[in-house]
Amino acid sequence: MKTITALLMVLFAGSAVAQESTAIDDLKRGETATISGQVERILDEDEFRLTDDTGSISVYVGPNRMPVKTDDVVSVTGFVDDGIGPLELYAHSLTRADGSTVAFSHRYE
């Protein structure tokens, strides 16, 4: 996992992802946060699992198209679900390693 952190620092240094990333293990319910990591797996047509050195979290992008594939390194900004159960991040935007960004429309909000 230390390799992932080092790779993230190199890829995102000086890019549009200059925002401070929060470690997944430090996320708190009800907050807006930016997290960075590697896509561990695609869970559904609108959800994927993101992992960093501290843990992993489900990232919901629906009802939008899946913007990543397994092993992509990304940074995601969103709202940490404030309900019960496992933590989940509702993505507002995603930045890829190449600096390109995707904004998500959550029409149900």
N, C-alpha and C. Protein backbone atom coordinates (compact mmCIF):
# COMPACT_ATOMS: atom_id res chain seq x y z
N MET A 1 0.80 -1.19 0.00
CA MET A 1 0.00 0.00 0.00
C MET A 1 0.85 1.27 0.00
N LYS A 2 2.06 1.21 0.57
CA LYS A 2 2.92 2.39 0.56
C LYS A 2 3.24 2.80 -0.87
N THR A 3 3.29 1.83 -1.76
CA THR A 3 3.53 2.12 -3.17
C THR A 3 2.40 2.96 -3.74
N ILE A 4 1.16 2.66 -3.35
CA ILE A 4 0.01 3.43 -3.83
C ILE A 4 0.13 4.88 -3.37
N THR A 5 0.48 5.08 -2.11
CA THR A 5 0.62 6.44 -1.60
C THR A 5 1.71 7.19 -2.35
N ALA A 6 2.84 6.57 -2.57
CA ALA A 6 3.93 7.21 -3.30
C ALA A 6 3.51 7.54 -4.72
N LEU A 7 2.81 6.62 -5.36
CA LEU A 7 2.32 6.85 -6.72
C LEU A 7 1.34 8.01 -6.76
N LEU A 8 0.44 8.06 -5.79
CA LEU A 8 -0.52 9.15 -5.72
C LEU A 8 0.17 10.49 -5.57
N MET A 9 1.18 10.55 -4.72
CA MET A 9 1.89 11.80 -4.51
C MET A 9 2.57 12.28 -5.79
N VAL A 10 3.15 11.37 -6.54
CA VAL A 10 3.81 11.73 -7.79
C VAL A 10 2.79 12.15 -8.83
N LEU A 11 1.73 11.37 -9.00
CA LEU A 11 0.74 11.64 -10.04
C LEU A 11 -0.04 12.92 -9.79
N PHE A 12 -0.37 13.21 -8.54
CA PHE A 12 -1.20 14.35 -8.25
C PHE A 12 -0.42 15.60 -7.86
N ALA A 13 0.88 15.52 -7.74
CA ALA A 13 1.68 16.70 -7.38
C ALA A 13 1.56 17.76 -8.47
N GLY A 14 1.17 18.94 -8.06
CA GLY A 14 1.09 20.04 -9.01
C GLY A 14 -0.10 19.98 -9.94
N SER A 15 -0.98 19.02 -9.80
CA SER A 15 -2.15 18.94 -10.67
C SER A 15 -3.33 19.65 -10.01
N ALA A 16 -4.47 19.54 -10.64
CA ALA A 16 -5.69 20.16 -10.12
C ALA A 16 -6.12 19.53 -8.80
N VAL A 17 -5.47 18.44 -8.41
CA VAL A 17 -5.83 17.74 -7.18
C VAL A 17 -4.96 18.21 -6.03
N ALA A 18 -4.73 19.49 -5.94
CA ALA A 18 -3.90 20.04 -4.89
C ALA A 18 -4.65 20.05 -3.55
N GLN A 19 -5.91 19.63 -3.55
CA GLN A 19 -6.70 19.59 -2.32
C GLN A 19 -6.08 18.56 -1.37
N GLU A 20 -6.25 18.85 -0.11
CA GLU A 20 -5.78 17.93 0.92
C GLU A 20 -6.67 16.68 0.92
N SER A 21 -6.06 15.52 0.83
CA SER A 21 -6.81 14.27 0.88
C SER A 21 -6.92 13.79 2.32
N THR A 22 -8.07 13.22 2.64
CA THR A 22 -8.31 12.62 3.94
C THR A 22 -8.08 11.13 3.81
N ALA A 23 -7.39 10.53 4.76
CA ALA A 23 -7.23 9.08 4.77
C ALA A 23 -8.60 8.45 4.96
N ILE A 24 -8.85 7.36 4.27
CA ILE A 24 -10.16 6.71 4.36
C ILE A 24 -10.50 6.36 5.81
N ASP A 25 -9.52 5.92 6.57
CA ASP A 25 -9.73 5.55 7.96
C ASP A 25 -10.11 6.76 8.84
N ASP A 26 -9.83 7.98 8.37
CA ASP A 26 -10.13 9.18 9.15
C ASP A 26 -11.46 9.84 8.76
N LEU A 27 -12.18 9.28 7.79
CA LEU A 27 -13.45 9.87 7.37
C LEU A 27 -14.48 9.85 8.49
N LYS A 28 -15.29 10.90 8.51
CA LYS A 28 -16.35 11.00 9.52
C LYS A 28 -17.70 11.17 8.81
N ARG A 29 -18.70 10.52 9.34
CA ARG A 29 -20.04 10.60 8.77
C ARG A 29 -20.52 12.05 8.71
N GLY A 30 -21.18 12.39 7.59
CA GLY A 30 -21.77 13.70 7.45
C GLY A 30 -20.84 14.79 6.97
N GLU A 31 -19.58 14.46 6.68
CA GLU A 31 -18.64 15.48 6.22
C GLU A 31 -18.43 15.38 4.71
N THR A 32 -17.99 16.48 4.13
CA THR A 32 -17.54 16.47 2.74
C THR A 32 -16.03 16.31 2.78
N ALA A 33 -15.51 15.41 1.98
CA ALA A 33 -14.08 15.11 2.03
C ALA A 33 -13.56 14.75 0.64
N THR A 34 -12.25 14.87 0.51
CA THR A 34 -11.56 14.40 -0.68
C THR A 34 -10.69 13.23 -0.26
N ILE A 35 -10.81 12.13 -1.00
CA ILE A 35 -9.99 10.95 -0.72
C ILE A 35 -9.26 10.56 -2.00
N SER A 36 -8.12 9.93 -1.84
CA SER A 36 -7.33 9.48 -2.99
C SER A 36 -6.95 8.03 -2.79
N GLY A 37 -6.92 7.29 -3.88
CA GLY A 37 -6.55 5.89 -3.77
C GLY A 37 -6.65 5.18 -5.09
N GLN A 38 -6.68 3.87 -5.01
CA GLN A 38 -6.73 3.00 -6.19
C GLN A 38 -8.07 2.27 -6.21
N VAL A 39 -8.66 2.19 -7.39
CA VAL A 39 -9.92 1.48 -7.55
C VAL A 39 -9.64 -0.02 -7.36
N GLU A 40 -10.20 -0.56 -6.31
CA GLU A 40 -9.99 -1.97 -5.97
C GLU A 40 -10.86 -2.87 -6.85
N ARG A 41 -12.13 -2.48 -7.00
CA ARG A 41 -13.03 -3.25 -7.86
C ARG A 41 -14.29 -2.45 -8.14
N ILE A 42 -14.96 -2.83 -9.21
CA ILE A 42 -16.25 -2.24 -9.57
C ILE A 42 -17.32 -3.08 -8.88
N LEU A 43 -18.17 -2.44 -8.08
CA LEU A 43 -19.19 -3.16 -7.32
C LEU A 43 -20.50 -3.30 -8.06
N ASP A 44 -20.83 -2.28 -8.87
CA ASP A 44 -22.10 -2.22 -9.56
C ASP A 44 -21.95 -1.24 -10.71
N GLU A 45 -23.01 -0.98 -11.43
CA GLU A 45 -22.92 -0.06 -12.57
C GLU A 45 -22.66 1.38 -12.13
N ASP A 46 -22.88 1.69 -10.85
CA ASP A 46 -22.69 3.06 -10.37
C ASP A 46 -21.97 3.13 -9.03
N GLU A 47 -21.17 2.11 -8.71
CA GLU A 47 -20.46 2.09 -7.44
C GLU A 47 -19.15 1.30 -7.58
N PHE A 48 -18.09 1.84 -6.95
CA PHE A 48 -16.82 1.14 -6.95
C PHE A 48 -16.18 1.20 -5.57
N ARG A 49 -15.20 0.37 -5.34
CA ARG A 49 -14.49 0.31 -4.06
C ARG A 49 -13.14 0.98 -4.24
N LEU A 50 -12.85 1.99 -3.41
CA LEU A 50 -11.58 2.72 -3.45
C LEU A 50 -10.77 2.36 -2.22
N THR A 51 -9.47 2.13 -2.38
CA THR A 51 -8.62 1.75 -1.27
C THR A 51 -7.40 2.65 -1.18
N ASP A 52 -6.97 2.92 0.05
CA ASP A 52 -5.71 3.62 0.29
C ASP A 52 -4.95 2.83 1.35
N ASP A 53 -3.88 3.41 1.90
CA ASP A 53 -3.07 2.70 2.89
C ASP A 53 -3.81 2.40 4.19
N THR A 54 -4.95 3.09 4.42
CA THR A 54 -5.64 2.96 5.70
C THR A 54 -6.91 2.13 5.65
N GLY A 55 -7.43 1.87 4.46
CA GLY A 55 -8.68 1.13 4.36
C GLY A 55 -9.32 1.27 3.00
N SER A 56 -10.61 0.96 2.95
CA SER A 56 -11.34 1.06 1.69
C SER A 56 -12.75 1.54 1.96
N ILE A 57 -13.39 2.06 0.90
CA ILE A 57 -14.73 2.61 1.02
C ILE A 57 -15.45 2.45 -0.31
N SER A 58 -16.76 2.27 -0.25
CA SER A 58 -17.58 2.26 -1.46
C SER A 58 -17.83 3.69 -1.90
N VAL A 59 -17.67 3.94 -3.19
CA VAL A 59 -17.90 5.27 -3.76
C VAL A 59 -19.06 5.16 -4.74
N TYR A 60 -20.11 5.93 -4.48
CA TYR A 60 -21.32 5.91 -5.29
C TYR A 60 -21.29 7.08 -6.27
N VAL A 61 -21.46 6.79 -7.56
CA VAL A 61 -21.44 7.84 -8.59
C VAL A 61 -22.78 7.96 -9.30
N GLY A 62 -23.77 7.12 -8.95
CA GLY A 62 -25.05 7.07 -9.64
C GLY A 62 -25.86 8.34 -9.55
N PRO A 63 -26.71 8.52 -10.45
CA PRO A 63 -27.07 7.65 -11.57
C PRO A 63 -26.22 7.92 -12.83
N ASN A 64 -24.93 8.16 -12.63
CA ASN A 64 -24.02 8.47 -13.72
C ASN A 64 -23.28 7.23 -14.20
N ARG A 65 -22.67 7.35 -15.36
CA ARG A 65 -21.88 6.24 -15.91
C ARG A 65 -20.60 6.04 -15.11
N MET A 66 -20.12 4.82 -15.07
CA MET A 66 -18.91 4.48 -14.34
C MET A 66 -17.70 5.12 -15.03
N PRO A 67 -16.98 6.02 -14.33
CA PRO A 67 -15.87 6.74 -14.95
C PRO A 67 -14.50 6.09 -14.75
N VAL A 68 -14.45 4.95 -14.08
CA VAL A 68 -13.17 4.33 -13.75
C VAL A 68 -13.18 2.85 -14.09
N LYS A 69 -11.99 2.28 -14.02
CA LYS A 69 -11.87 0.82 -14.12
C LYS A 69 -10.94 0.34 -13.00
N THR A 70 -10.95 -0.93 -12.74
CA THR A 70 -10.12 -1.50 -11.69
C THR A 70 -8.66 -1.09 -11.88
N ASP A 71 -8.02 -0.74 -10.78
CA ASP A 71 -6.61 -0.33 -10.69
C ASP A 71 -6.35 1.13 -11.05
N ASP A 72 -7.37 1.89 -11.50
CA ASP A 72 -7.17 3.32 -11.74
C ASP A 72 -6.81 4.01 -10.42
N VAL A 73 -5.98 5.02 -10.49
CA VAL A 73 -5.63 5.84 -9.34
C VAL A 73 -6.38 7.16 -9.50
N VAL A 74 -7.20 7.49 -8.50
CA VAL A 74 -8.08 8.66 -8.60
C VAL A 74 -8.16 9.41 -7.27
N SER A 75 -8.70 10.62 -7.35
CA SER A 75 -9.04 11.41 -6.18
C SER A 75 -10.53 11.73 -6.32
N VAL A 76 -11.29 11.56 -5.24
CA VAL A 76 -12.73 11.75 -5.28
C VAL A 76 -13.15 12.70 -4.16
N THR A 77 -13.99 13.67 -4.50
CA THR A 77 -14.57 14.56 -3.50
C THR A 77 -16.05 14.26 -3.41
N GLY A 78 -16.54 14.15 -2.19
CA GLY A 78 -17.95 13.85 -2.01
C GLY A 78 -18.38 13.92 -0.56
N PHE A 79 -19.61 13.50 -0.34
CA PHE A 79 -20.25 13.53 0.97
C PHE A 79 -20.22 12.14 1.58
N VAL A 80 -19.75 12.03 2.82
CA VAL A 80 -19.72 10.75 3.52
C VAL A 80 -21.11 10.51 4.10
N ASP A 81 -21.72 9.40 3.69
CA ASP A 81 -23.07 9.06 4.13
C ASP A 81 -23.18 9.16 5.64
N ASP A 82 -24.25 9.80 6.11
CA ASP A 82 -24.43 9.97 7.55
C ASP A 82 -25.40 8.96 8.15
N GLY A 83 -25.76 7.93 7.38
CA GLY A 83 -26.65 6.89 7.88
C GLY A 83 -25.89 5.82 8.64
N ILE A 84 -26.61 4.76 8.97
CA ILE A 84 -25.97 3.63 9.67
C ILE A 84 -25.40 2.67 8.63
N GLY A 85 -24.58 1.75 9.08
CA GLY A 85 -23.97 0.78 8.19
C GLY A 85 -22.58 1.22 7.77
N PRO A 86 -22.00 0.49 6.83
CA PRO A 86 -20.64 0.81 6.39
C PRO A 86 -20.58 2.20 5.76
N LEU A 87 -19.42 2.86 5.89
CA LEU A 87 -19.25 4.17 5.28
C LEU A 87 -19.34 4.06 3.76
N GLU A 88 -19.92 5.08 3.17
CA GLU A 88 -20.02 5.18 1.71
C GLU A 88 -19.86 6.65 1.35
N LEU A 89 -19.16 6.91 0.25
CA LEU A 89 -18.96 8.28 -0.22
C LEU A 89 -19.82 8.52 -1.44
N TYR A 90 -20.63 9.58 -1.40
CA TYR A 90 -21.45 9.98 -2.55
C TYR A 90 -20.63 11.01 -3.32
N ALA A 91 -20.09 10.61 -4.46
CA ALA A 91 -19.14 11.43 -5.19
C ALA A 91 -19.78 12.65 -5.84
N HIS A 92 -19.13 13.81 -5.67
CA HIS A 92 -19.51 15.04 -6.37
C HIS A 92 -18.62 15.23 -7.59
N SER A 93 -17.33 14.85 -7.44
CA SER A 93 -16.39 14.96 -8.55
C SER A 93 -15.27 13.95 -8.37
N LEU A 94 -14.63 13.65 -9.48
CA LEU A 94 -13.53 12.68 -9.50
C LEU A 94 -12.44 13.24 -10.39
N THR A 95 -11.20 13.12 -9.96
CA THR A 95 -10.06 13.54 -10.76
C THR A 95 -9.17 12.33 -11.03
N ARG A 96 -8.87 12.13 -12.29
CA ARG A 96 -8.01 11.01 -12.69
C ARG A 96 -6.55 11.42 -12.56
N ALA A 97 -5.66 10.44 -12.66
CA ALA A 97 -4.23 10.69 -12.55
C ALA A 97 -3.72 11.66 -13.61
N ASP A 98 -4.38 11.70 -14.77
CA ASP A 98 -3.95 12.61 -15.84
C ASP A 98 -4.46 14.04 -15.64
N GLY A 99 -5.21 14.28 -14.54
CA GLY A 99 -5.72 15.61 -14.24
C GLY A 99 -7.13 15.87 -14.77
N SER A 100 -7.65 14.99 -15.60
CA SER A 100 -9.01 15.20 -16.11
C SER A 100 -10.01 14.96 -14.99
N THR A 101 -11.11 15.71 -15.03
CA THR A 101 -12.10 15.61 -13.97
C THR A 101 -13.47 15.23 -14.52
N VAL A 102 -14.25 14.63 -13.65
CA VAL A 102 -15.62 14.25 -13.96
C VAL A 102 -16.49 14.80 -12.84
N ALA A 103 -17.52 15.56 -13.18
CA ALA A 103 -18.49 16.05 -12.19
C ALA A 103 -19.73 15.18 -12.27
N PHE A 104 -20.31 14.89 -11.14
CA PHE A 104 -21.47 14.01 -11.10
C PHE A 104 -22.74 14.78 -10.80
N SER A 105 -23.80 14.44 -11.52
CA SER A 105 -25.12 15.00 -11.28
C SER A 105 -25.92 13.95 -10.53
N HIS A 106 -26.40 14.31 -9.37
CA HIS A 106 -27.24 13.40 -8.59
C HIS A 106 -28.66 13.93 -8.65
N ARG A 107 -29.35 13.61 -9.72
CA ARG A 107 -30.67 14.15 -9.99
C ARG A 107 -31.68 13.82 -8.90
N TYR A 108 -31.41 12.81 -8.09
CA TYR A 108 -32.35 12.42 -7.04
C TYR A 108 -32.22 13.31 -5.81
N GLU A 109 -31.19 14.16 -5.72
CA GLU A 109 -31.00 15.00 -4.53
C GLU A 109 -31.94 16.18 -4.55
